Amino acid sequence: MTRKIIEIASEIVQTQVSGRNMTAPEIAASLRQVFGTLHELNRMESGEAELTVIVEPEPAKALTPEDSIRDDKVICLECGAEMRQLTKLHLVSHGMSAKEYKKKYGFTMGTALAARSLTKARSKAAKKRGVPENLKKYMEERRQAKAEGSSPAVTDGVQAEQPKRTRIRKKKAE
């Protein structure tokens, strides 16, 4: 009878696999689970065992930092919230900055905490505005200025005065 149970279990799992994509470990786990269930039902049918209902919660899949940034969303590794971008405000609610978050979960400092589609759209918009070319020009000018050893303009021993910055305060509503 054991051979027949294995055949039935393999047919059930083949049907599952044909309906959705499954990885090899998922197929093996499914086969073990189906075989165990069929074996248990066979034992109950023959009177060797009684029916006991055991509900096992599905183990939560551990989300890796690489998997948390997806095409259409970003999943916060602290709370599991899904959004298009992990904002400063959201990270502050967890008591950390973007730099601390990246360090904690092993992201490189250059990694954007935004959905890939949002990052691509921003990149495309920047290219349309000419940002890469302007950045190259600026970097070249800066490199040349450093090579020449330029300093702030001094006229007759008097240095140009820097404009004062004023701080604008908002009035509180009373």
N, C-alpha and C. Protein backbone atom coordinates (compact mmCIF):
# COMPACT_ATOMS: atom_id res chain seq x y z
N MET A 1 0.81 -1.19 0.00
CA MET A 1 0.00 0.00 0.00
C MET A 1 0.86 1.26 0.00
N THR A 2 2.11 1.21 0.58
CA THR A 2 2.98 2.38 0.66
C THR A 2 3.29 2.90 -0.74
N ARG A 3 3.53 2.01 -1.67
CA ARG A 3 3.84 2.45 -3.04
C ARG A 3 2.68 3.23 -3.64
N LYS A 4 1.49 2.77 -3.38
CA LYS A 4 0.31 3.45 -3.91
C LYS A 4 0.19 4.85 -3.30
N ILE A 5 0.46 5.01 -2.03
CA ILE A 5 0.39 6.33 -1.38
C ILE A 5 1.43 7.27 -2.01
N ILE A 6 2.60 6.77 -2.29
CA ILE A 6 3.65 7.60 -2.91
C ILE A 6 3.20 8.04 -4.30
N GLU A 7 2.61 7.13 -5.04
CA GLU A 7 2.13 7.48 -6.38
C GLU A 7 1.03 8.55 -6.32
N ILE A 8 0.11 8.39 -5.37
CA ILE A 8 -0.97 9.37 -5.22
C ILE A 8 -0.40 10.72 -4.82
N ALA A 9 0.55 10.71 -3.90
CA ALA A 9 1.17 11.96 -3.44
C ALA A 9 1.89 12.65 -4.58
N SER A 10 2.61 11.87 -5.40
CA SER A 10 3.34 12.49 -6.51
C SER A 10 2.38 13.07 -7.55
N GLU A 11 1.25 12.41 -7.77
CA GLU A 11 0.26 12.96 -8.71
C GLU A 11 -0.33 14.27 -8.19
N ILE A 12 -0.60 14.33 -6.90
CA ILE A 12 -1.15 15.55 -6.31
C ILE A 12 -0.15 16.69 -6.44
N VAL A 13 1.10 16.43 -6.13
CA VAL A 13 2.13 17.47 -6.21
C VAL A 13 2.37 17.88 -7.67
N GLN A 14 2.32 16.94 -8.59
CA GLN A 14 2.46 17.30 -10.01
C GLN A 14 1.36 18.25 -10.45
N THR A 15 0.16 18.02 -9.95
CA THR A 15 -0.96 18.91 -10.27
C THR A 15 -0.71 20.30 -9.68
N GLN A 16 -0.18 20.35 -8.46
CA GLN A 16 0.12 21.64 -7.84
C GLN A 16 1.18 22.40 -8.65
N VAL A 17 2.22 21.69 -9.07
CA VAL A 17 3.31 22.31 -9.81
C VAL A 17 2.83 22.82 -11.16
N SER A 18 1.92 22.10 -11.79
CA SER A 18 1.43 22.54 -13.10
C SER A 18 0.57 23.80 -12.97
N GLY A 19 -0.01 24.04 -11.79
CA GLY A 19 -0.86 25.20 -11.58
C GLY A 19 -0.12 26.46 -11.21
N ARG A 20 1.08 26.35 -10.63
CA ARG A 20 1.85 27.53 -10.24
C ARG A 20 3.34 27.18 -10.21
N ASN A 21 4.18 28.21 -10.25
CA ASN A 21 5.62 28.00 -10.21
C ASN A 21 6.05 27.65 -8.79
N MET A 22 6.81 26.59 -8.66
CA MET A 22 7.31 26.17 -7.35
C MET A 22 8.80 25.87 -7.48
N THR A 23 9.55 26.21 -6.44
CA THR A 23 10.97 25.90 -6.42
C THR A 23 11.15 24.45 -5.99
N ALA A 24 12.35 23.92 -6.18
CA ALA A 24 12.62 22.52 -5.81
C ALA A 24 12.37 22.27 -4.32
N PRO A 25 12.84 23.15 -3.41
CA PRO A 25 12.55 22.91 -1.99
C PRO A 25 11.04 22.95 -1.68
N GLU A 26 10.28 23.80 -2.37
CA GLU A 26 8.84 23.86 -2.16
C GLU A 26 8.17 22.56 -2.63
N ILE A 27 8.65 22.02 -3.75
CA ILE A 27 8.11 20.77 -4.27
C ILE A 27 8.38 19.63 -3.30
N ALA A 28 9.62 19.59 -2.79
CA ALA A 28 9.99 18.53 -1.84
C ALA A 28 9.16 18.63 -0.57
N ALA A 29 8.99 19.84 -0.06
CA ALA A 29 8.20 20.02 1.17
C ALA A 29 6.75 19.64 0.93
N SER A 30 6.22 20.02 -0.22
CA SER A 30 4.84 19.69 -0.55
C SER A 30 4.65 18.18 -0.67
N LEU A 31 5.62 17.52 -1.29
CA LEU A 31 5.54 16.07 -1.45
C LEU A 31 5.56 15.38 -0.08
N ARG A 32 6.45 15.85 0.81
CA ARG A 32 6.51 15.27 2.17
C ARG A 32 5.18 15.49 2.90
N GLN A 33 4.64 16.70 2.79
CA GLN A 33 3.40 17.02 3.49
C GLN A 33 2.23 16.19 2.96
N VAL A 34 2.12 16.09 1.65
CA VAL A 34 1.02 15.32 1.05
C VAL A 34 1.18 13.84 1.39
N PHE A 35 2.39 13.31 1.31
CA PHE A 35 2.61 11.90 1.64
C PHE A 35 2.26 11.63 3.10
N GLY A 36 2.70 12.52 3.99
CA GLY A 36 2.40 12.35 5.42
C GLY A 36 0.91 12.38 5.69
N THR A 37 0.22 13.28 5.03
CA THR A 37 -1.22 13.39 5.21
C THR A 37 -1.92 12.14 4.70
N LEU A 38 -1.54 11.68 3.50
CA LEU A 38 -2.16 10.47 2.94
C LEU A 38 -1.86 9.24 3.80
N HIS A 39 -0.63 9.16 4.31
CA HIS A 39 -0.25 8.04 5.18
C HIS A 39 -1.08 8.06 6.47
N GLU A 40 -1.25 9.27 7.03
CA GLU A 40 -2.05 9.42 8.25
C GLU A 40 -3.52 9.04 7.99
N LEU A 41 -4.05 9.47 6.84
CA LEU A 41 -5.43 9.12 6.49
C LEU A 41 -5.58 7.61 6.31
N ASN A 42 -4.58 6.96 5.72
CA ASN A 42 -4.59 5.51 5.53
C ASN A 42 -4.61 4.80 6.88
N ARG A 43 -3.83 5.31 7.83
CA ARG A 43 -3.79 4.70 9.17
C ARG A 43 -5.13 4.88 9.87
N MET A 44 -5.76 6.06 9.69
CA MET A 44 -7.07 6.30 10.31
C MET A 44 -8.13 5.39 9.70
N GLU A 45 -8.01 5.19 8.39
CA GLU A 45 -8.98 4.34 7.69
C GLU A 45 -8.90 2.90 8.18
N SER A 46 -7.70 2.44 8.46
CA SER A 46 -7.53 1.07 8.93
C SER A 46 -7.75 0.94 10.44
N GLY A 47 -7.96 2.06 11.15
CA GLY A 47 -8.23 2.01 12.59
C GLY A 47 -6.99 2.06 13.44
N GLU A 48 -5.82 2.29 12.87
CA GLU A 48 -4.58 2.34 13.63
C GLU A 48 -4.41 3.67 14.38
N ALA A 49 -5.05 4.72 13.91
CA ALA A 49 -4.89 6.04 14.53
C ALA A 49 -6.22 6.77 14.53
N GLU A 50 -6.33 7.75 15.45
CA GLU A 50 -7.53 8.58 15.51
C GLU A 50 -7.24 9.93 14.86
N LEU A 51 -8.31 10.60 14.45
CA LEU A 51 -8.18 11.89 13.80
C LEU A 51 -7.83 12.97 14.82
N THR A 52 -6.71 13.61 14.60
CA THR A 52 -6.30 14.75 15.42
C THR A 52 -6.03 15.91 14.48
N VAL A 53 -6.59 17.05 14.81
CA VAL A 53 -6.42 18.22 13.96
C VAL A 53 -5.31 19.08 14.54
N ILE A 54 -4.27 19.26 13.76
CA ILE A 54 -3.13 20.08 14.16
C ILE A 54 -2.98 21.17 13.10
N VAL A 55 -3.11 22.41 13.54
CA VAL A 55 -2.96 23.53 12.63
C VAL A 55 -1.59 24.14 12.86
N GLU A 56 -0.75 24.02 11.85
CA GLU A 56 0.60 24.59 11.94
C GLU A 56 0.62 25.90 11.18
N PRO A 57 1.03 26.98 11.86
CA PRO A 57 1.12 28.26 11.15
C PRO A 57 2.26 28.21 10.13
N GLU A 58 2.03 28.88 8.99
CA GLU A 58 3.08 28.91 7.98
C GLU A 58 4.25 29.73 8.50
N PRO A 59 5.45 29.21 8.35
CA PRO A 59 6.59 30.01 8.80
C PRO A 59 6.74 31.26 7.93
N ALA A 60 6.96 32.39 8.59
CA ALA A 60 7.13 33.63 7.85
C ALA A 60 8.44 33.59 7.08
N LYS A 61 8.37 33.94 5.81
CA LYS A 61 9.59 33.95 5.01
C LYS A 61 10.45 35.11 5.44
N ALA A 62 11.71 34.82 5.71
CA ALA A 62 12.63 35.88 6.08
C ALA A 62 12.90 36.74 4.85
N LEU A 63 12.67 38.02 5.00
CA LEU A 63 12.85 38.96 3.89
C LEU A 63 14.27 39.48 3.93
N THR A 64 14.99 39.28 2.84
CA THR A 64 16.37 39.78 2.77
C THR A 64 16.34 41.22 2.30
N PRO A 65 17.38 42.00 2.61
CA PRO A 65 17.43 43.38 2.15
C PRO A 65 17.29 43.50 0.63
N GLU A 66 17.89 42.58 -0.12
CA GLU A 66 17.80 42.63 -1.57
C GLU A 66 16.36 42.43 -2.04
N ASP A 67 15.61 41.57 -1.34
CA ASP A 67 14.23 41.29 -1.72
C ASP A 67 13.28 42.39 -1.27
N SER A 68 13.70 43.24 -0.33
CA SER A 68 12.79 44.26 0.18
C SER A 68 12.58 45.40 -0.82
N ILE A 69 13.53 45.60 -1.73
CA ILE A 69 13.38 46.64 -2.75
C ILE A 69 12.91 45.96 -4.03
N ARG A 70 11.67 46.23 -4.39
CA ARG A 70 11.05 45.59 -5.55
C ARG A 70 10.74 46.61 -6.62
N ASP A 71 10.21 46.15 -7.74
CA ASP A 71 9.91 47.06 -8.86
C ASP A 71 8.85 48.09 -8.50
N ASP A 72 7.81 47.66 -7.80
CA ASP A 72 6.69 48.55 -7.55
C ASP A 72 6.56 49.02 -6.11
N LYS A 73 7.40 48.48 -5.21
CA LYS A 73 7.29 48.87 -3.80
C LYS A 73 8.57 48.55 -3.05
N VAL A 74 8.67 49.14 -1.85
CA VAL A 74 9.75 48.85 -0.92
C VAL A 74 9.09 48.36 0.36
N ILE A 75 9.63 47.32 0.94
CA ILE A 75 9.09 46.79 2.17
C ILE A 75 10.04 47.15 3.30
N CYS A 76 9.51 47.83 4.32
CA CYS A 76 10.31 48.23 5.47
C CYS A 76 10.69 46.96 6.24
N LEU A 77 11.96 46.77 6.49
CA LEU A 77 12.43 45.57 7.19
C LEU A 77 12.18 45.67 8.69
N GLU A 78 11.81 46.84 9.19
CA GLU A 78 11.51 47.02 10.60
C GLU A 78 10.08 46.59 10.91
N CYS A 79 9.11 47.07 10.11
CA CYS A 79 7.70 46.84 10.44
C CYS A 79 6.93 46.09 9.36
N GLY A 80 7.52 45.94 8.17
CA GLY A 80 6.84 45.23 7.09
C GLY A 80 5.91 46.10 6.26
N ALA A 81 5.90 47.41 6.51
CA ALA A 81 5.05 48.31 5.73
C ALA A 81 5.53 48.36 4.29
N GLU A 82 4.57 48.43 3.37
CA GLU A 82 4.89 48.50 1.95
C GLU A 82 4.59 49.90 1.44
N MET A 83 5.56 50.51 0.75
CA MET A 83 5.38 51.84 0.19
C MET A 83 6.30 52.01 -1.01
N ARG A 84 6.15 53.13 -1.72
CA ARG A 84 6.99 53.37 -2.90
C ARG A 84 8.38 53.83 -2.51
N GLN A 85 8.51 54.46 -1.33
CA GLN A 85 9.80 54.95 -0.88
C GLN A 85 9.80 54.98 0.64
N LEU A 86 10.93 54.56 1.24
CA LEU A 86 11.06 54.67 2.69
C LEU A 86 11.46 56.11 2.99
N THR A 87 10.55 56.86 3.55
CA THR A 87 10.79 58.27 3.79
C THR A 87 11.51 58.48 5.12
N LYS A 88 12.07 59.67 5.26
CA LYS A 88 12.75 60.05 6.49
C LYS A 88 11.77 59.98 7.65
N LEU A 89 10.55 60.46 7.43
CA LEU A 89 9.53 60.46 8.46
C LEU A 89 9.22 59.04 8.93
N HIS A 90 9.12 58.11 8.00
CA HIS A 90 8.84 56.72 8.37
C HIS A 90 9.99 56.14 9.18
N LEU A 91 11.21 56.39 8.73
CA LEU A 91 12.36 55.84 9.44
C LEU A 91 12.52 56.46 10.83
N VAL A 92 12.15 57.73 10.97
CA VAL A 92 12.20 58.38 12.28
C VAL A 92 11.22 57.70 13.24
N SER A 93 10.10 57.22 12.71
CA SER A 93 9.13 56.52 13.57
C SER A 93 9.74 55.25 14.16
N HIS A 94 10.80 54.74 13.54
CA HIS A 94 11.52 53.57 14.07
C HIS A 94 12.77 54.00 14.85
N GLY A 95 12.96 55.32 14.95
CA GLY A 95 14.09 55.83 15.72
C GLY A 95 15.42 55.70 15.00
N MET A 96 15.42 55.84 13.68
CA MET A 96 16.68 55.74 12.95
C MET A 96 16.66 56.64 11.72
N SER A 97 17.86 56.92 11.23
CA SER A 97 18.00 57.69 9.99
C SER A 97 18.17 56.71 8.83
N ALA A 98 18.19 57.26 7.63
CA ALA A 98 18.39 56.40 6.45
C ALA A 98 19.76 55.74 6.51
N LYS A 99 20.75 56.48 6.98
CA LYS A 99 22.11 55.93 7.08
C LYS A 99 22.14 54.77 8.08
N GLU A 100 21.50 54.94 9.22
CA GLU A 100 21.47 53.87 10.22
C GLU A 100 20.71 52.65 9.70
N TYR A 101 19.60 52.89 8.99
CA TYR A 101 18.80 51.80 8.42
C TYR A 101 19.65 51.00 7.43
N LYS A 102 20.33 51.72 6.54
CA LYS A 102 21.17 51.05 5.53
C LYS A 102 22.28 50.26 6.20
N LYS A 103 22.89 50.82 7.22
CA LYS A 103 23.98 50.15 7.92
C LYS A 103 23.47 48.90 8.64
N LYS A 104 22.31 49.02 9.29
CA LYS A 104 21.75 47.90 10.04
C LYS A 104 21.44 46.71 9.14
N TYR A 105 20.91 46.97 7.94
CA TYR A 105 20.49 45.88 7.06
C TYR A 105 21.47 45.58 5.94
N GLY A 106 22.63 46.22 5.93
CA GLY A 106 23.67 45.87 4.98
C GLY A 106 23.51 46.45 3.59
N PHE A 107 22.75 47.54 3.44
CA PHE A 107 22.66 48.21 2.15
C PHE A 107 23.91 49.06 1.95
N THR A 108 24.31 49.25 0.69
CA THR A 108 25.39 50.18 0.43
C THR A 108 24.83 51.58 0.59
N MET A 109 25.68 52.55 0.90
CA MET A 109 25.20 53.91 1.14
C MET A 109 24.59 54.53 -0.11
N GLY A 110 24.94 54.04 -1.30
CA GLY A 110 24.40 54.58 -2.54
C GLY A 110 23.06 53.98 -2.94
N THR A 111 22.59 52.99 -2.21
CA THR A 111 21.34 52.33 -2.54
C THR A 111 20.16 53.25 -2.21
N ALA A 112 19.28 53.44 -3.18
CA ALA A 112 18.08 54.24 -2.95
C ALA A 112 17.05 53.39 -2.23
N LEU A 113 16.41 53.97 -1.23
CA LEU A 113 15.37 53.25 -0.50
C LEU A 113 14.02 53.55 -1.14
N ALA A 114 13.95 53.29 -2.44
CA ALA A 114 12.75 53.55 -3.23
C ALA A 114 12.53 52.40 -4.19
N ALA A 115 11.29 52.25 -4.64
CA ALA A 115 10.96 51.21 -5.61
C ALA A 115 11.76 51.44 -6.89
N ARG A 116 12.12 50.36 -7.54
CA ARG A 116 12.95 50.47 -8.76
C ARG A 116 12.26 51.30 -9.84
N SER A 117 10.95 51.16 -9.96
CA SER A 117 10.22 51.94 -10.98
C SER A 117 10.32 53.43 -10.69
N LEU A 118 10.27 53.81 -9.42
CA LEU A 118 10.39 55.22 -9.04
C LEU A 118 11.80 55.73 -9.31
N THR A 119 12.80 54.92 -9.01
CA THR A 119 14.19 55.30 -9.26
C THR A 119 14.44 55.47 -10.76
N LYS A 120 13.90 54.56 -11.56
CA LYS A 120 14.07 54.66 -13.02
C LYS A 120 13.39 55.90 -13.57
N ALA A 121 12.20 56.20 -13.06
CA ALA A 121 11.47 57.38 -13.54
C ALA A 121 12.23 58.65 -13.20
N ARG A 122 12.80 58.72 -12.00
CA ARG A 122 13.58 59.89 -11.60
C ARG A 122 14.84 60.03 -12.46
N SER A 123 15.49 58.91 -12.74
CA SER A 123 16.69 58.93 -13.56
C SER A 123 16.37 59.42 -14.97
N LYS A 124 15.26 58.92 -15.51
CA LYS A 124 14.84 59.32 -16.85
C LYS A 124 14.54 60.82 -16.90
N ALA A 125 13.86 61.32 -15.87
CA ALA A 125 13.53 62.75 -15.82
C ALA A 125 14.79 63.60 -15.70
N ALA A 126 15.76 63.15 -14.92
CA ALA A 126 17.01 63.89 -14.77
C ALA A 126 17.78 63.93 -16.08
N LYS A 127 17.80 62.82 -16.79
CA LYS A 127 18.49 62.78 -18.09
C LYS A 127 17.80 63.70 -19.09
N LYS A 128 16.47 63.77 -19.02
CA LYS A 128 15.73 64.64 -19.92
C LYS A 128 16.06 66.11 -19.65
N ARG A 129 16.28 66.45 -18.38
CA ARG A 129 16.64 67.82 -18.02
C ARG A 129 18.10 68.13 -18.29
N GLY A 130 18.91 67.14 -18.62
CA GLY A 130 20.32 67.37 -18.93
C GLY A 130 21.23 67.34 -17.73
N VAL A 131 20.81 66.75 -16.65
CA VAL A 131 21.61 66.73 -15.42
C VAL A 131 22.96 66.03 -15.61
N PRO A 132 23.05 64.89 -16.27
CA PRO A 132 24.36 64.25 -16.40
C PRO A 132 25.39 65.12 -17.12
N GLU A 133 24.97 65.79 -18.20
CA GLU A 133 25.91 66.64 -18.94
C GLU A 133 26.33 67.84 -18.10
N ASN A 134 25.37 68.47 -17.41
CA ASN A 134 25.69 69.60 -16.56
C ASN A 134 26.60 69.20 -15.42
N LEU A 135 26.40 68.00 -14.88
CA LEU A 135 27.24 67.51 -13.81
C LEU A 135 28.67 67.29 -14.30
N LYS A 136 28.81 66.74 -15.50
CA LYS A 136 30.14 66.54 -16.08
C LYS A 136 30.85 67.88 -16.26
N LYS A 137 30.12 68.88 -16.77
CA LYS A 137 30.70 70.22 -16.96
C LYS A 137 31.15 70.79 -15.62
N TYR A 138 30.30 70.69 -14.63
CA TYR A 138 30.63 71.22 -13.30
C TYR A 138 31.86 70.54 -12.73
N MET A 139 31.91 69.21 -12.82
CA MET A 139 33.05 68.46 -12.28
C MET A 139 34.34 68.84 -13.00
N GLU A 140 34.28 69.04 -14.31
CA GLU A 140 35.46 69.43 -15.09
C GLU A 140 35.92 70.83 -14.67
N GLU A 141 34.98 71.78 -14.54
CA GLU A 141 35.33 73.13 -14.10
C GLU A 141 35.95 73.11 -12.72
N ARG A 142 35.40 72.32 -11.85
CA ARG A 142 35.91 72.22 -10.48
C ARG A 142 37.32 71.63 -10.47
N ARG A 143 37.53 70.60 -11.28
CA ARG A 143 38.85 69.98 -11.36
C ARG A 143 39.88 70.99 -11.87
N GLN A 144 39.50 71.76 -12.89
CA GLN A 144 40.41 72.77 -13.44
C GLN A 144 40.70 73.85 -12.42
N ALA A 145 39.70 74.28 -11.68
CA ALA A 145 39.89 75.32 -10.67
C ALA A 145 40.85 74.83 -9.58
N LYS A 146 40.73 73.58 -9.18
CA LYS A 146 41.64 73.03 -8.18
C LYS A 146 43.05 72.94 -8.74
N ALA A 147 43.18 72.55 -10.00
CA ALA A 147 44.50 72.43 -10.63
C ALA A 147 45.19 73.79 -10.70
N GLU A 148 44.42 74.86 -10.95
CA GLU A 148 44.98 76.20 -11.02
C GLU A 148 45.25 76.78 -9.64
N GLY A 149 44.67 76.16 -8.63
CA GLY A 149 44.87 76.65 -7.28
C GLY A 149 44.17 77.97 -7.04
N SER A 150 43.01 78.12 -7.61
CA SER A 150 42.28 79.38 -7.49
C SER A 150 41.81 79.59 -6.06
N SER A 151 41.73 80.89 -5.69
CA SER A 151 41.27 81.26 -4.36
C SER A 151 40.22 82.33 -4.53
N PRO A 152 39.51 82.71 -3.44
CA PRO A 152 38.49 83.74 -3.57
C PRO A 152 39.10 85.03 -4.11
N ALA A 153 38.32 85.76 -4.89
CA ALA A 153 38.80 86.99 -5.53
C ALA A 153 39.16 88.03 -4.49
N VAL A 154 40.38 88.58 -4.61
CA VAL A 154 40.84 89.62 -3.70
C VAL A 154 41.18 90.83 -4.55
N THR A 155 40.58 91.99 -4.25
CA THR A 155 40.82 93.20 -5.01
C THR A 155 41.47 94.22 -4.08
N ASP A 156 42.69 94.62 -4.39
CA ASP A 156 43.43 95.61 -3.61
C ASP A 156 43.47 95.26 -2.13
N GLY A 157 43.66 94.02 -1.83
CA GLY A 157 43.79 93.60 -0.44
C GLY A 157 42.47 93.55 0.30
N VAL A 158 41.36 93.82 -0.35
CA VAL A 158 40.05 93.76 0.28
C VAL A 158 39.28 92.59 -0.31
N GLN A 159 38.83 91.74 0.58
CA GLN A 159 38.09 90.56 0.13
C GLN A 159 36.61 90.91 0.04
N ALA A 160 35.94 90.36 -0.95
CA ALA A 160 34.51 90.63 -1.14
C ALA A 160 33.74 90.14 0.07
N GLU A 161 32.79 90.96 0.51
CA GLU A 161 31.99 90.62 1.67
C GLU A 161 30.93 89.59 1.28
N GLN A 162 30.76 88.61 2.14
CA GLN A 162 29.77 87.57 1.90
C GLN A 162 28.39 88.10 2.28
N PRO A 163 27.37 87.82 1.51
CA PRO A 163 26.03 88.28 1.86
C PRO A 163 25.56 87.61 3.15
N LYS A 164 24.84 88.38 3.96
CA LYS A 164 24.33 87.84 5.22
C LYS A 164 23.10 86.99 4.94
N ARG A 165 23.01 85.91 5.65
CA ARG A 165 21.85 85.04 5.50
C ARG A 165 20.88 85.35 6.62
N THR A 166 19.66 85.50 6.27
CA THR A 166 18.64 85.77 7.27
C THR A 166 17.76 84.56 7.43
N ARG A 167 17.31 84.40 8.62
CA ARG A 167 16.48 83.24 8.92
C ARG A 167 15.04 83.73 9.08
N ILE A 168 14.15 83.11 8.36
CA ILE A 168 12.75 83.48 8.42
C ILE A 168 12.04 82.55 9.40
N ARG A 169 11.39 83.16 10.37
CA ARG A 169 10.67 82.35 11.35
C ARG A 169 9.18 82.40 11.05
N LYS A 170 8.56 81.28 11.21
CA LYS A 170 7.12 81.21 11.03
C LYS A 170 6.43 81.55 12.33
N LYS A 171 5.38 82.34 12.23
CA LYS A 171 4.61 82.68 13.42
C LYS A 171 3.69 81.53 13.77
N LYS A 172 3.58 81.30 15.06
CA LYS A 172 2.70 80.23 15.52
C LYS A 172 1.27 80.75 15.52
N ALA A 173 0.36 79.90 15.16
CA ALA A 173 -1.06 80.26 15.19
C ALA A 173 -1.53 80.30 16.62
N GLU A 174 -2.14 81.38 16.98
CA GLU A 174 -2.60 81.52 18.37
C GLU A 174 -4.07 81.35 18.49
